[in-house]
Amino acid sequence: MSAKNRDNHNRWRNKTVAFRVSPEEDKQIETAVRLSGLTKQDYITRHLLCRDVVVQGNPRVYKALRNELAAVLDELKRIEAGKTIDDELLDIIELITEILYGLKEETQ
C-alpha cells in the first residue's frame, strides 16, 4: 500500500464512495475544487464532514481565481445586455468573495 492511501491520522483510506450528480452540479463542484486548491477527494471529504475548507494561496489557486473572475465578468456583461441572472452565478460569486476575503486576512 502506498502512503497516499493514508489520511492525516494514519488511517487507511480503502473505502470508495460514489454518487451521481447533474452536469450543472458537476460544474459547480469542479469550480469549487479548482478555487480551493485541494484535491477533489479532500474537498468533498472536508465539506461532507463539515470541516473547514481552508484555501492556501498558490499560483494554481490564483490562476483559477483569475479565470473564474473572467467568466463572471462575461456573465455580468451578458446580464447587462438584458438577460437574467442565474443562481449558479451567484453561488460562484459568493465562493470567490469568501476565498478572496480569506486570502486577504491571511496576508495581513
PDB file of N, CA and C in Angstrom:
ATOM      1  N   MET A   1       0.840  -1.187   0.000  1.00  0.00           N
ATOM      2  CA  MET A   1       0.000   0.000   0.000  1.00  0.00           C
ATOM      3  C   MET A   1       0.878   1.241   0.000  1.00  0.00           C
ATOM      4  N   SER A   2       0.470   2.233  -0.750  1.00  0.00           N
ATOM      5  CA  SER A   2       1.250   3.460  -0.838  1.00  0.00           C
ATOM      6  C   SER A   2       0.854   4.439   0.267  1.00  0.00           C
ATOM      7  N   ALA A   3       1.716   5.398   0.516  1.00  0.00           N
ATOM      8  CA  ALA A   3       1.476   6.375   1.578  1.00  0.00           C
ATOM      9  C   ALA A   3       0.269   7.245   1.280  1.00  0.00           C
ATOM     10  N   LYS A   4      -0.077   7.455   0.008  1.00  0.00           N
ATOM     11  CA  LYS A   4      -1.194   8.326  -0.315  1.00  0.00           C
ATOM     12  C   LYS A   4      -2.549   7.720   0.050  1.00  0.00           C
ATOM     13  N   ASN A   5      -2.596   6.451   0.449  1.00  0.00           N
ATOM     14  CA  ASN A   5      -3.833   5.822   0.880  1.00  0.00           C
ATOM     15  C   ASN A   5      -4.087   5.992   2.369  1.00  0.00           C
ATOM     16  N   ARG A   6      -3.260   6.790   3.028  1.00  0.00           N
ATOM     17  CA  ARG A   6      -3.455   7.065   4.448  1.00  0.00           C
ATOM     18  C   ARG A   6      -3.879   8.518   4.621  1.00  0.00           C
ATOM     19  N   ASP A   7      -4.741   8.756   5.618  1.00  0.00           N
ATOM     20  CA  ASP A   7      -5.163  10.125   5.882  1.00  0.00           C
ATOM     21  C   ASP A   7      -4.239  10.767   6.910  1.00  0.00           C
ATOM     22  N   ASN A   8      -4.611  11.952   7.395  1.00  0.00           N
ATOM     23  CA  ASN A   8      -3.767  12.687   8.348  1.00  0.00           C
ATOM     24  C   ASN A   8      -3.631  11.983   9.691  1.00  0.00           C
ATOM     25  N   HIS A   9      -4.531  11.064   9.979  1.00  0.00           N
ATOM     26  CA  HIS A   9      -4.468  10.327  11.244  1.00  0.00           C
ATOM     27  C   HIS A   9      -3.880   8.935  11.055  1.00  0.00           C
ATOM     28  N   ASN A  10      -3.193   8.731   9.930  1.00  0.00           N
ATOM     29  CA  ASN A  10      -2.524   7.471   9.609  1.00  0.00           C
ATOM     30  C   ASN A  10      -3.499   6.295   9.471  1.00  0.00           C
ATOM     31  N   ARG A  11      -4.735   6.610   9.033  1.00  0.00           N
ATOM     32  CA  ARG A  11      -5.733   5.563   8.805  1.00  0.00           C
ATOM     33  C   ARG A  11      -5.750   5.222   7.326  1.00  0.00           C
ATOM     34  N   TRP A  12      -5.988   3.953   7.020  1.00  0.00           N
ATOM     35  CA  TRP A  12      -6.077   3.534   5.622  1.00  0.00           C
ATOM     36  C   TRP A  12      -7.327   4.127   4.995  1.00  0.00           C
ATOM     37  N   ARG A  13      -7.188   4.630   3.809  1.00  0.00           N
ATOM     38  CA  ARG A  13      -8.336   5.099   3.034  1.00  0.00           C
ATOM     39  C   ARG A  13      -8.596   4.058   1.956  1.00  0.00           C
ATOM     40  N   ASN A  14      -9.362   3.044   2.311  1.00  0.00           N
ATOM     41  CA  ASN A  14      -9.590   1.961   1.370  1.00  0.00           C
ATOM     42  C   ASN A  14     -11.064   1.795   1.001  1.00  0.00           C
ATOM     43  N   LYS A  15     -11.919   2.705   1.399  1.00  0.00           N
ATOM     44  CA  LYS A  15     -13.336   2.658   1.050  1.00  0.00           C
ATOM     45  C   LYS A  15     -13.595   3.612  -0.111  1.00  0.00           C
ATOM     46  N   THR A  16     -14.454   3.204  -1.025  1.00  0.00           N
ATOM     47  CA  THR A  16     -14.832   4.045  -2.149  1.00  0.00           C
ATOM     48  C   THR A  16     -16.267   4.503  -1.959  1.00  0.00           C
ATOM     49  N   VAL A  17     -16.484   5.806  -2.136  1.00  0.00           N
ATOM     50  CA  VAL A  17     -17.821   6.378  -2.067  1.00  0.00           C
ATOM     51  C   VAL A  17     -18.095   7.014  -3.422  1.00  0.00           C
ATOM     52  N   ALA A  18     -19.217   6.671  -4.021  1.00  0.00           N
ATOM     53  CA  ALA A  18     -19.547   7.214  -5.337  1.00  0.00           C
ATOM     54  C   ALA A  18     -20.999   7.678  -5.338  1.00  0.00           C
ATOM     55  N   PHE A  19     -21.272   8.718  -6.101  1.00  0.00           N
ATOM     56  CA  PHE A  19     -22.634   9.214  -6.235  1.00  0.00           C
ATOM     57  C   PHE A  19     -22.765   9.941  -7.570  1.00  0.00           C
ATOM     58  N   ARG A  20     -23.993  10.127  -8.001  1.00  0.00           N
ATOM     59  CA  ARG A  20     -24.256  10.772  -9.282  1.00  0.00           C
ATOM     60  C   ARG A  20     -24.663  12.224  -9.060  1.00  0.00           C
ATOM     61  N   VAL A  21     -24.245  13.086  -9.990  1.00  0.00           N
ATOM     62  CA  VAL A  21     -24.633  14.491  -9.963  1.00  0.00           C
ATOM     63  C   VAL A  21     -25.021  14.911 -11.381  1.00  0.00           C
ATOM     64  N   SER A  22     -25.761  16.001 -11.477  1.00  0.00           N
ATOM     65  CA  SER A  22     -26.124  16.529 -12.792  1.00  0.00           C
ATOM     66  C   SER A  22     -24.907  17.244 -13.386  1.00  0.00           C
ATOM     67  N   PRO A  23     -24.915  17.498 -14.682  1.00  0.00           N
ATOM     68  CA  PRO A  23     -23.795  18.239 -15.287  1.00  0.00           C
ATOM     69  C   PRO A  23     -23.603  19.621 -14.656  1.00  0.00           C
ATOM     70  N   GLU A  24     -24.704  20.267 -14.277  1.00  0.00           N
ATOM     71  CA  GLU A  24     -24.610  21.575 -13.640  1.00  0.00           C
ATOM     72  C   GLU A  24     -23.975  21.469 -12.247  1.00  0.00           C
ATOM     73  N   GLU A  25     -24.372  20.453 -11.496  1.00  0.00           N
ATOM     74  CA  GLU A  25     -23.777  20.240 -10.169  1.00  0.00           C
ATOM     75  C   GLU A  25     -22.297  19.906 -10.302  1.00  0.00           C
ATOM     76  N   ASP A  26     -21.952  19.096 -11.310  1.00  0.00           N
ATOM     77  CA  ASP A  26     -20.551  18.746 -11.533  1.00  0.00           C
ATOM     78  C   ASP A  26     -19.723  19.991 -11.825  1.00  0.00           C
ATOM     79  N   LYS A  27     -20.271  20.893 -12.628  1.00  0.00           N
ATOM     80  CA  LYS A  27     -19.568  22.129 -12.952  1.00  0.00           C
ATOM     81  C   LYS A  27     -19.321  22.956 -11.691  1.00  0.00           C
ATOM     82  N   GLN A  28     -20.337  23.040 -10.818  1.00  0.00           N
ATOM     83  CA  GLN A  28     -20.174  23.784  -9.566  1.00  0.00           C
ATOM     84  C   GLN A  28     -19.132  23.140  -8.656  1.00  0.00           C
ATOM     85  N   ILE A  29     -19.160  21.817  -8.569  1.00  0.00           N
ATOM     86  CA  ILE A  29     -18.188  21.107  -7.738  1.00  0.00           C
ATOM     87  C   ILE A  29     -16.784  21.312  -8.281  1.00  0.00           C
ATOM     88  N   GLU A  30     -16.608  21.161  -9.593  1.00  0.00           N
ATOM     89  CA  GLU A  30     -15.289  21.353 -10.205  1.00  0.00           C
ATOM     90  C   GLU A  30     -14.769  22.765  -9.971  1.00  0.00           C
ATOM     91  N   THR A  31     -15.642  23.758 -10.074  1.00  0.00           N
ATOM     92  CA  THR A  31     -15.231  25.146  -9.830  1.00  0.00           C
ATOM     93  C   THR A  31     -14.768  25.317  -8.389  1.00  0.00           C
ATOM     94  N   ALA A  32     -15.544  24.809  -7.439  1.00  0.00           N
ATOM     95  CA  ALA A  32     -15.178  24.931  -6.032  1.00  0.00           C
ATOM     96  C   ALA A  32     -13.856  24.221  -5.740  1.00  0.00           C
ATOM     97  N   VAL A  33     -13.654  23.061  -6.341  1.00  0.00           N
ATOM     98  CA  VAL A  33     -12.410  22.312  -6.131  1.00  0.00           C
ATOM     99  C   VAL A  33     -11.217  23.098  -6.683  1.00  0.00           C
ATOM    100  N   ARG A  34     -11.355  23.628  -7.911  1.00  0.00           N
ATOM    101  CA  ARG A  34     -10.267  24.421  -8.505  1.00  0.00           C
ATOM    102  C   ARG A  34      -9.925  25.625  -7.627  1.00  0.00           C
ATOM    103  N   LEU A  35     -10.954  26.297  -7.127  1.00  0.00           N
ATOM    104  CA  LEU A  35     -10.718  27.501  -6.331  1.00  0.00           C
ATOM    105  C   LEU A  35     -10.165  27.191  -4.945  1.00  0.00           C
ATOM    106  N   SER A  36     -10.389  25.977  -4.463  1.00  0.00           N
ATOM    107  CA  SER A  36      -9.893  25.624  -3.128  1.00  0.00           C
ATOM    108  C   SER A  36      -8.421  25.246  -3.142  1.00  0.00           C
ATOM    109  N   GLY A  37      -7.927  24.754  -4.280  1.00  0.00           N
ATOM    110  CA  GLY A  37      -6.546  24.297  -4.350  1.00  0.00           C
ATOM    111  C   GLY A  37      -6.355  22.902  -3.777  1.00  0.00           C
ATOM    112  N   LEU A  38      -7.445  22.267  -3.367  1.00  0.00           N
ATOM    113  CA  LEU A  38      -7.388  20.912  -2.809  1.00  0.00           C
ATOM    114  C   LEU A  38      -7.666  19.894  -3.908  1.00  0.00           C
ATOM    115  N   THR A  39      -7.426  18.628  -3.592  1.00  0.00           N
ATOM    116  CA  THR A  39      -7.861  17.575  -4.498  1.00  0.00           C
ATOM    117  C   THR A  39      -9.373  17.448  -4.355  1.00  0.00           C
ATOM    118  N   LYS A  40     -10.012  16.873  -5.350  1.00  0.00           N
ATOM    119  CA  LYS A  40     -11.461  16.697  -5.271  1.00  0.00           C
ATOM    120  C   LYS A  40     -11.830  15.835  -4.063  1.00  0.00           C
ATOM    121  N   GLN A  41     -11.047  14.791  -3.820  1.00  0.00           N
ATOM    122  CA  GLN A  41     -11.302  13.908  -2.682  1.00  0.00           C
ATOM    123  C   GLN A  41     -11.236  14.681  -1.378  1.00  0.00           C
ATOM    124  N   ASP A  42     -10.182  15.465  -1.186  1.00  0.00           N
ATOM    125  CA  ASP A  42     -10.043  16.218   0.059  1.00  0.00           C
ATOM    126  C   ASP A  42     -11.138  17.269   0.204  1.00  0.00           C
ATOM    127  N   TYR A  43     -11.472  17.949  -0.894  1.00  0.00           N
ATOM    128  CA  TYR A  43     -12.503  18.980  -0.830  1.00  0.00           C
ATOM    129  C   TYR A  43     -13.851  18.374  -0.428  1.00  0.00           C
ATOM    130  N   ILE A  44     -14.258  17.315  -1.123  1.00  0.00           N
ATOM    131  CA  ILE A  44     -15.560  16.702  -0.838  1.00  0.00           C
ATOM    132  C   ILE A  44     -15.586  16.100   0.559  1.00  0.00           C
ATOM    133  N   THR A  45     -14.516  15.430   0.961  1.00  0.00           N
ATOM    134  CA  THR A  45     -14.468  14.843   2.301  1.00  0.00           C
ATOM    135  C   THR A  45     -14.607  15.914   3.371  1.00  0.00           C
ATOM    136  N   ARG A  46     -13.858  16.998   3.248  1.00  0.00           N
ATOM    137  CA  ARG A  46     -13.941  18.077   4.240  1.00  0.00           C
ATOM    138  C   ARG A  46     -15.326  18.705   4.256  1.00  0.00           C
ATOM    139  N   HIS A  47     -15.880  18.903   3.086  1.00  0.00           N
ATOM    140  CA  HIS A  47     -17.188  19.535   3.010  1.00  0.00           C
ATOM    141  C   HIS A  47     -18.265  18.633   3.620  1.00  0.00           C
ATOM    142  N   LEU A  48     -18.235  17.349   3.295  1.00  0.00           N
ATOM    143  CA  LEU A  48     -19.242  16.425   3.810  1.00  0.00           C
ATOM    144  C   LEU A  48     -19.136  16.227   5.318  1.00  0.00           C
ATOM    145  N   LEU A  49     -17.935  16.309   5.850  1.00  0.00           N
ATOM    146  CA  LEU A  49     -17.739  16.117   7.283  1.00  0.00           C
ATOM    147  C   LEU A  49     -17.806  17.435   8.049  1.00  0.00           C
ATOM    148  N   CYS A  50     -18.282  18.502   7.376  1.00  0.00           N
ATOM    149  CA  CYS A  50     -18.469  19.827   7.987  1.00  0.00           C
ATOM    150  C   CYS A  50     -17.180  20.379   8.586  1.00  0.00           C
ATOM    151  N   ARG A  51     -16.075  20.087   7.930  1.00  0.00           N
ATOM    152  CA  ARG A  51     -14.793  20.657   8.330  1.00  0.00           C
ATOM    153  C   ARG A  51     -14.532  21.884   7.486  1.00  0.00           C
ATOM    154  N   ASP A  52     -13.721  22.802   7.994  1.00  0.00           N
ATOM    155  CA  ASP A  52     -13.390  23.998   7.238  1.00  0.00           C
ATOM    156  C   ASP A  52     -12.585  23.641   6.005  1.00  0.00           C
ATOM    157  N   VAL A  53     -12.934  24.267   4.899  1.00  0.00           N
ATOM    158  CA  VAL A  53     -12.159  24.137   3.674  1.00  0.00           C
ATOM    159  C   VAL A  53     -11.280  25.375   3.621  1.00  0.00           C
ATOM    160  N   VAL A  54     -10.012  25.201   3.960  1.00  0.00           N
ATOM    161  CA  VAL A  54      -9.082  26.316   4.029  1.00  0.00           C
ATOM    162  C   VAL A  54      -8.302  26.394   2.723  1.00  0.00           C
ATOM    163  N   VAL A  55      -8.403  27.552   2.081  1.00  0.00           N
ATOM    164  CA  VAL A  55      -7.720  27.753   0.800  1.00  0.00           C
ATOM    165  C   VAL A  55      -6.323  28.290   1.074  1.00  0.00           C
ATOM    166  N   GLN A  56      -5.328  27.609   0.564  1.00  0.00           N
ATOM    167  CA  GLN A  56      -3.949  28.068   0.662  1.00  0.00           C
ATOM    168  C   GLN A  56      -3.592  28.745  -0.651  1.00  0.00           C
ATOM    169  N   GLY A  57      -3.230  30.019  -0.560  1.00  0.00           N
ATOM    170  CA  GLY A  57      -2.877  30.744  -1.774  1.00  0.00           C
ATOM    171  C   GLY A  57      -1.643  30.155  -2.434  1.00  0.00           C
ATOM    172  N   ASN A  58      -1.750  29.840  -3.706  1.00  0.00           N
ATOM    173  CA  ASN A  58      -0.630  29.366  -4.502  1.00  0.00           C
ATOM    174  C   ASN A  58      -0.904  29.749  -5.955  1.00  0.00           C
ATOM    175  N   PRO A  59       0.053  29.612  -6.841  1.00  0.00           N
ATOM    176  CA  PRO A  59      -0.167  30.028  -8.227  1.00  0.00           C
ATOM    177  C   PRO A  59      -1.370  29.359  -8.892  1.00  0.00           C
ATOM    178  N   ARG A  60      -1.612  28.101  -8.583  1.00  0.00           N
ATOM    179  CA  ARG A  60      -2.742  27.391  -9.189  1.00  0.00           C
ATOM    180  C   ARG A  60      -4.076  27.992  -8.744  1.00  0.00           C
ATOM    181  N   VAL A  61      -4.170  28.355  -7.453  1.00  0.00           N
ATOM    182  CA  VAL A  61      -5.397  28.966  -6.933  1.00  0.00           C
ATOM    183  C   VAL A  61      -5.591  30.346  -7.545  1.00  0.00           C
ATOM    184  N   TYR A  62      -4.525  31.138  -7.624  1.00  0.00           N
ATOM    185  CA  TYR A  62      -4.640  32.471  -8.204  1.00  0.00           C
ATOM    186  C   TYR A  62      -5.047  32.403  -9.672  1.00  0.00           C
ATOM    187  N   LYS A  63      -4.525  31.432 -10.411  1.00  0.00           N
ATOM    188  CA  LYS A  63      -4.900  31.266 -11.813  1.00  0.00           C
ATOM    189  C   LYS A  63      -6.374  30.887 -11.915  1.00  0.00           C
ATOM    190  N   ALA A  64      -6.830  29.979 -11.051  1.00  0.00           N
ATOM    191  CA  ALA A  64      -8.239  29.578 -11.060  1.00  0.00           C
ATOM    192  C   ALA A  64      -9.131  30.772 -10.720  1.00  0.00           C
ATOM    193  N   LEU A  65      -8.716  31.577  -9.740  1.00  0.00           N
ATOM    194  CA  LEU A  65      -9.489  32.776  -9.388  1.00  0.00           C
ATOM    195  C   LEU A  65      -9.561  33.736 -10.574  1.00  0.00           C
ATOM    196  N   ARG A  66      -8.442  33.954 -11.237  1.00  0.00           N
ATOM    197  CA  ARG A  66      -8.406  34.850 -12.391  1.00  0.00           C
ATOM    198  C   ARG A  66      -9.350  34.360 -13.479  1.00  0.00           C
ATOM    199  N   ASN A  67      -9.305  33.075 -13.770  1.00  0.00           N
ATOM    200  CA  ASN A  67     -10.157  32.512 -14.816  1.00  0.00           C
ATOM    201  C   ASN A  67     -11.640  32.587 -14.448  1.00  0.00           C
ATOM    202  N   GLU A  68     -11.955  32.300 -13.187  1.00  0.00           N
ATOM    203  CA  GLU A  68     -13.350  32.358 -12.755  1.00  0.00           C
ATOM    204  C   GLU A  68     -13.861  33.790 -12.749  1.00  0.00           C
ATOM    205  N   LEU A  69     -13.018  34.738 -12.342  1.00  0.00           N
ATOM    206  CA  LEU A  69     -13.428  36.143 -12.375  1.00  0.00           C
ATOM    207  C   LEU A  69     -13.669  36.606 -13.809  1.00  0.00           C
ATOM    208  N   ALA A  70     -12.879  36.129 -14.755  1.00  0.00           N
ATOM    209  CA  ALA A  70     -13.090  36.456 -16.165  1.00  0.00           C
ATOM    210  C   ALA A  70     -14.431  35.895 -16.637  1.00  0.00           C
ATOM    211  N   ALA A  71     -14.757  34.679 -16.209  1.00  0.00           N
ATOM    212  CA  ALA A  71     -16.034  34.076 -16.584  1.00  0.00           C
ATOM    213  C   ALA A  71     -17.197  34.840 -15.961  1.00  0.00           C
ATOM    214  N   VAL A  72     -17.022  35.277 -14.711  1.00  0.00           N
ATOM    215  CA  VAL A  72     -18.059  36.065 -14.037  1.00  0.00           C
ATOM    216  C   VAL A  72     -18.263  37.384 -14.780  1.00  0.00           C
ATOM    217  N   LEU A  73     -17.174  38.019 -15.179  1.00  0.00           N
ATOM    218  CA  LEU A  73     -17.277  39.267 -15.932  1.00  0.00           C
ATOM    219  C   LEU A  73     -18.057  39.064 -17.233  1.00  0.00           C
ATOM    220  N   ASP A  74     -17.791  37.968 -17.930  1.00  0.00           N
ATOM    221  CA  ASP A  74     -18.533  37.665 -19.155  1.00  0.00           C
ATOM    222  C   ASP A  74     -20.027  37.500 -18.869  1.00  0.00           C
ATOM    223  N   GLU A  75     -20.334  36.815 -17.777  1.00  0.00           N
ATOM    224  CA  GLU A  75     -21.735  36.627 -17.402  1.00  0.00           C
ATOM    225  C   GLU A  75     -22.398  37.955 -17.038  1.00  0.00           C
ATOM    226  N   LEU A  76     -21.677  38.813 -16.328  1.00  0.00           N
ATOM    227  CA  LEU A  76     -22.227  40.119 -15.963  1.00  0.00           C
ATOM    228  C   LEU A  76     -22.480  40.970 -17.210  1.00  0.00           C
ATOM    229  N   LYS A  77     -21.611  40.871 -18.196  1.00  0.00           N
ATOM    230  CA  LYS A  77     -21.829  41.587 -19.458  1.00  0.00           C
ATOM    231  C   LYS A  77     -23.077  41.054 -20.158  1.00  0.00           C
ATOM    232  N   ARG A  78     -23.276  39.729 -20.088  1.00  0.00           N
ATOM    233  CA  ARG A  78     -24.461  39.118 -20.684  1.00  0.00           C
ATOM    234  C   ARG A  78     -25.721  39.610 -19.977  1.00  0.00           C
ATOM    235  N   ILE A  79     -25.663  39.707 -18.660  1.00  0.00           N
ATOM    236  CA  ILE A  79     -26.811  40.169 -17.876  1.00  0.00           C
ATOM    237  C   ILE A  79     -27.114  41.624 -18.190  1.00  0.00           C
ATOM    238  N   GLU A  80     -26.068  42.409 -18.357  1.00  0.00           N
ATOM    239  CA  GLU A  80     -26.241  43.820 -18.678  1.00  0.00           C
ATOM    240  C   GLU A  80     -26.985  43.988 -20.001  1.00  0.00           C
ATOM    241  N   ALA A  81     -26.828  43.018 -20.884  1.00  0.00           N
ATOM    242  CA  ALA A  81     -27.489  43.064 -22.185  1.00  0.00           C
ATOM    243  C   ALA A  81     -28.957  42.671 -22.092  1.00  0.00           C
ATOM    244  N   GLY A  82     -29.480  42.477 -20.882  1.00  0.00           N
ATOM    245  CA  GLY A  82     -30.906  42.211 -20.719  1.00  0.00           C
ATOM    246  C   GLY A  82     -31.265  40.790 -20.355  1.00  0.00           C
ATOM    247  N   LYS A  83     -30.279  39.941 -20.151  1.00  0.00           N
ATOM    248  CA  LYS A  83     -30.559  38.553 -19.770  1.00  0.00           C
ATOM    249  C   LYS A  83     -30.774  38.477 -18.251  1.00  0.00           C
ATOM    250  N   THR A  84     -31.253  37.333 -17.768  1.00  0.00           N
ATOM    251  CA  THR A  84     -31.480  37.164 -16.336  1.00  0.00           C
ATOM    252  C   THR A  84     -30.264  36.514 -15.681  1.00  0.00           C
ATOM    253  N   ILE A  85     -30.141  36.741 -14.374  1.00  0.00           N
ATOM    254  CA  ILE A  85     -29.039  36.160 -13.607  1.00  0.00           C
ATOM    255  C   ILE A  85     -29.495  34.812 -13.054  1.00  0.00           C
ATOM    256  N   ASP A  86     -28.611  33.827 -13.048  1.00  0.00           N
ATOM    257  CA  ASP A  86     -28.974  32.518 -12.508  1.00  0.00           C
ATOM    258  C   ASP A  86     -28.313  32.299 -11.154  1.00  0.00           C
ATOM    259  N   ASP A  87     -28.870  31.359 -10.397  1.00  0.00           N
ATOM    260  CA  ASP A  87     -28.388  31.079  -9.046  1.00  0.00           C
ATOM    261  C   ASP A  87     -26.964  30.551  -9.029  1.00  0.00           C
ATOM    262  N   GLU A  88     -26.561  29.803 -10.068  1.00  0.00           N
ATOM    263  CA  GLU A  88     -25.205  29.257 -10.110  1.00  0.00           C
ATOM    264  C   GLU A  88     -24.165  30.365 -10.163  1.00  0.00           C
ATOM    265  N   LEU A  89     -24.453  31.424 -10.913  1.00  0.00           N
ATOM    266  CA  LEU A  89     -23.530  32.561 -10.982  1.00  0.00           C
ATOM    267  C   LEU A  89     -23.404  33.221  -9.622  1.00  0.00           C
ATOM    268  N   LEU A  90     -24.521  33.382  -8.935  1.00  0.00           N
ATOM    269  CA  LEU A  90     -24.482  33.978  -7.594  1.00  0.00           C
ATOM    270  C   LEU A  90     -23.677  33.117  -6.628  1.00  0.00           C
ATOM    271  N   ASP A  91     -23.814  31.790  -6.745  1.00  0.00           N
ATOM    272  CA  ASP A  91     -23.043  30.880  -5.893  1.00  0.00           C
ATOM    273  C   ASP A  91     -21.542  31.025  -6.154  1.00  0.00           C
ATOM    274  N   ILE A  92     -21.153  31.123  -7.416  1.00  0.00           N
ATOM    275  CA  ILE A  92     -19.739  31.260  -7.770  1.00  0.00           C
ATOM    276  C   ILE A  92     -19.197  32.591  -7.257  1.00  0.00           C
ATOM    277  N   ILE A  93     -19.979  33.669  -7.413  1.00  0.00           N
ATOM    278  CA  ILE A  93     -19.545  34.977  -6.924  1.00  0.00           C
ATOM    279  C   ILE A  93     -19.366  34.944  -5.413  1.00  0.00           C
ATOM    280  N   GLU A  94     -20.279  34.304  -4.708  1.00  0.00           N
ATOM    281  CA  GLU A  94     -20.174  34.193  -3.250  1.00  0.00           C
ATOM    282  C   GLU A  94     -18.930  33.399  -2.849  1.00  0.00           C
ATOM    283  N   LEU A  95     -18.658  32.302  -3.543  1.00  0.00           N
ATOM    284  CA  LEU A  95     -17.484  31.478  -3.254  1.00  0.00           C
ATOM    285  C   LEU A  95     -16.190  32.259  -3.499  1.00  0.00           C
ATOM    286  N   ILE A  96     -16.112  32.971  -4.618  1.00  0.00           N
ATOM    287  CA  ILE A  96     -14.922  33.765  -4.925  1.00  0.00           C
ATOM    288  C   ILE A  96     -14.724  34.845  -3.868  1.00  0.00           C
ATOM    289  N   THR A  97     -15.812  35.487  -3.448  1.00  0.00           N
ATOM    290  CA  THR A  97     -15.733  36.532  -2.422  1.00  0.00           C
ATOM    291  C   THR A  97     -15.196  35.979  -1.118  1.00  0.00           C
ATOM    292  N   GLU A  98     -15.696  34.832  -0.690  1.00  0.00           N
ATOM    293  CA  GLU A  98     -15.216  34.208   0.546  1.00  0.00           C
ATOM    294  C   GLU A  98     -13.735  33.880   0.456  1.00  0.00           C
ATOM    295  N   ILE A  99     -13.308  33.348  -0.672  1.00  0.00           N
ATOM    296  CA  ILE A  99     -11.898  32.984  -0.849  1.00  0.00           C
ATOM    297  C   ILE A  99     -11.020  34.224  -0.824  1.00  0.00           C
ATOM    298  N   LEU A 100     -11.436  35.267  -1.538  1.00  0.00           N
ATOM    299  CA  LEU A 100     -10.626  36.484  -1.574  1.00  0.00           C
ATOM    300  C   LEU A 100     -10.532  37.142  -0.201  1.00  0.00           C
ATOM    301  N   TYR A 101     -11.632  37.155   0.554  1.00  0.00           N
ATOM    302  CA  TYR A 101     -11.565  37.708   1.907  1.00  0.00           C
ATOM    303  C   TYR A 101     -10.652  36.864   2.789  1.00  0.00           C
ATOM    304  N   GLY A 102     -10.708  35.552   2.628  1.00  0.00           N
ATOM    305  CA  GLY A 102      -9.832  34.671   3.397  1.00  0.00           C
ATOM    306  C   GLY A 102      -8.373  34.894   3.059  1.00  0.00           C
ATOM    307  N   LEU A 103      -8.065  35.061   1.772  1.00  0.00           N
ATOM    308  CA  LEU A 103      -6.680  35.317   1.366  1.00  0.00           C
ATOM    309  C   LEU A 103      -6.207  36.680   1.867  1.00  0.00           C
ATOM    310  N   LYS A 104      -7.108  37.654   1.885  1.00  0.00           N
ATOM    311  CA  LYS A 104      -6.754  38.990   2.372  1.00  0.00           C
ATOM    312  C   LYS A 104      -6.403  38.925   3.854  1.00  0.00           C
ATOM    313  N   GLU A 105      -7.202  38.194   4.640  1.00  0.00           N
ATOM    314  CA  GLU A 105      -6.929  38.058   6.079  1.00  0.00           C
ATOM    315  C   GLU A 105      -5.616  37.327   6.320  1.00  0.00           C
ATOM    316  N   GLU A 106      -5.294  36.356   5.470  1.00  0.00           N
ATOM    317  CA  GLU A 106      -4.075  35.559   5.614  1.00  0.00           C
ATOM    318  C   GLU A 106      -2.829  36.422   5.424  1.00  0.00           C
ATOM    319  N   THR A 107      -2.899  37.394   4.525  1.00  0.00           N
ATOM    320  CA  THR A 107      -1.721  38.212   4.238  1.00  0.00           C
ATOM    321  C   THR A 107      -1.540  39.353   5.222  1.00  0.00           C
ATOM    322  N   GLN A 108      -2.543  39.663   6.017  1.00  0.00           N
ATOM    323  CA  GLN A 108      -2.420  40.767   6.981  1.00  0.00           C
ATOM    324  C   GLN A 108      -1.816  40.330   8.282  1.00  0.00           C
TER     325      GLN A 108
END
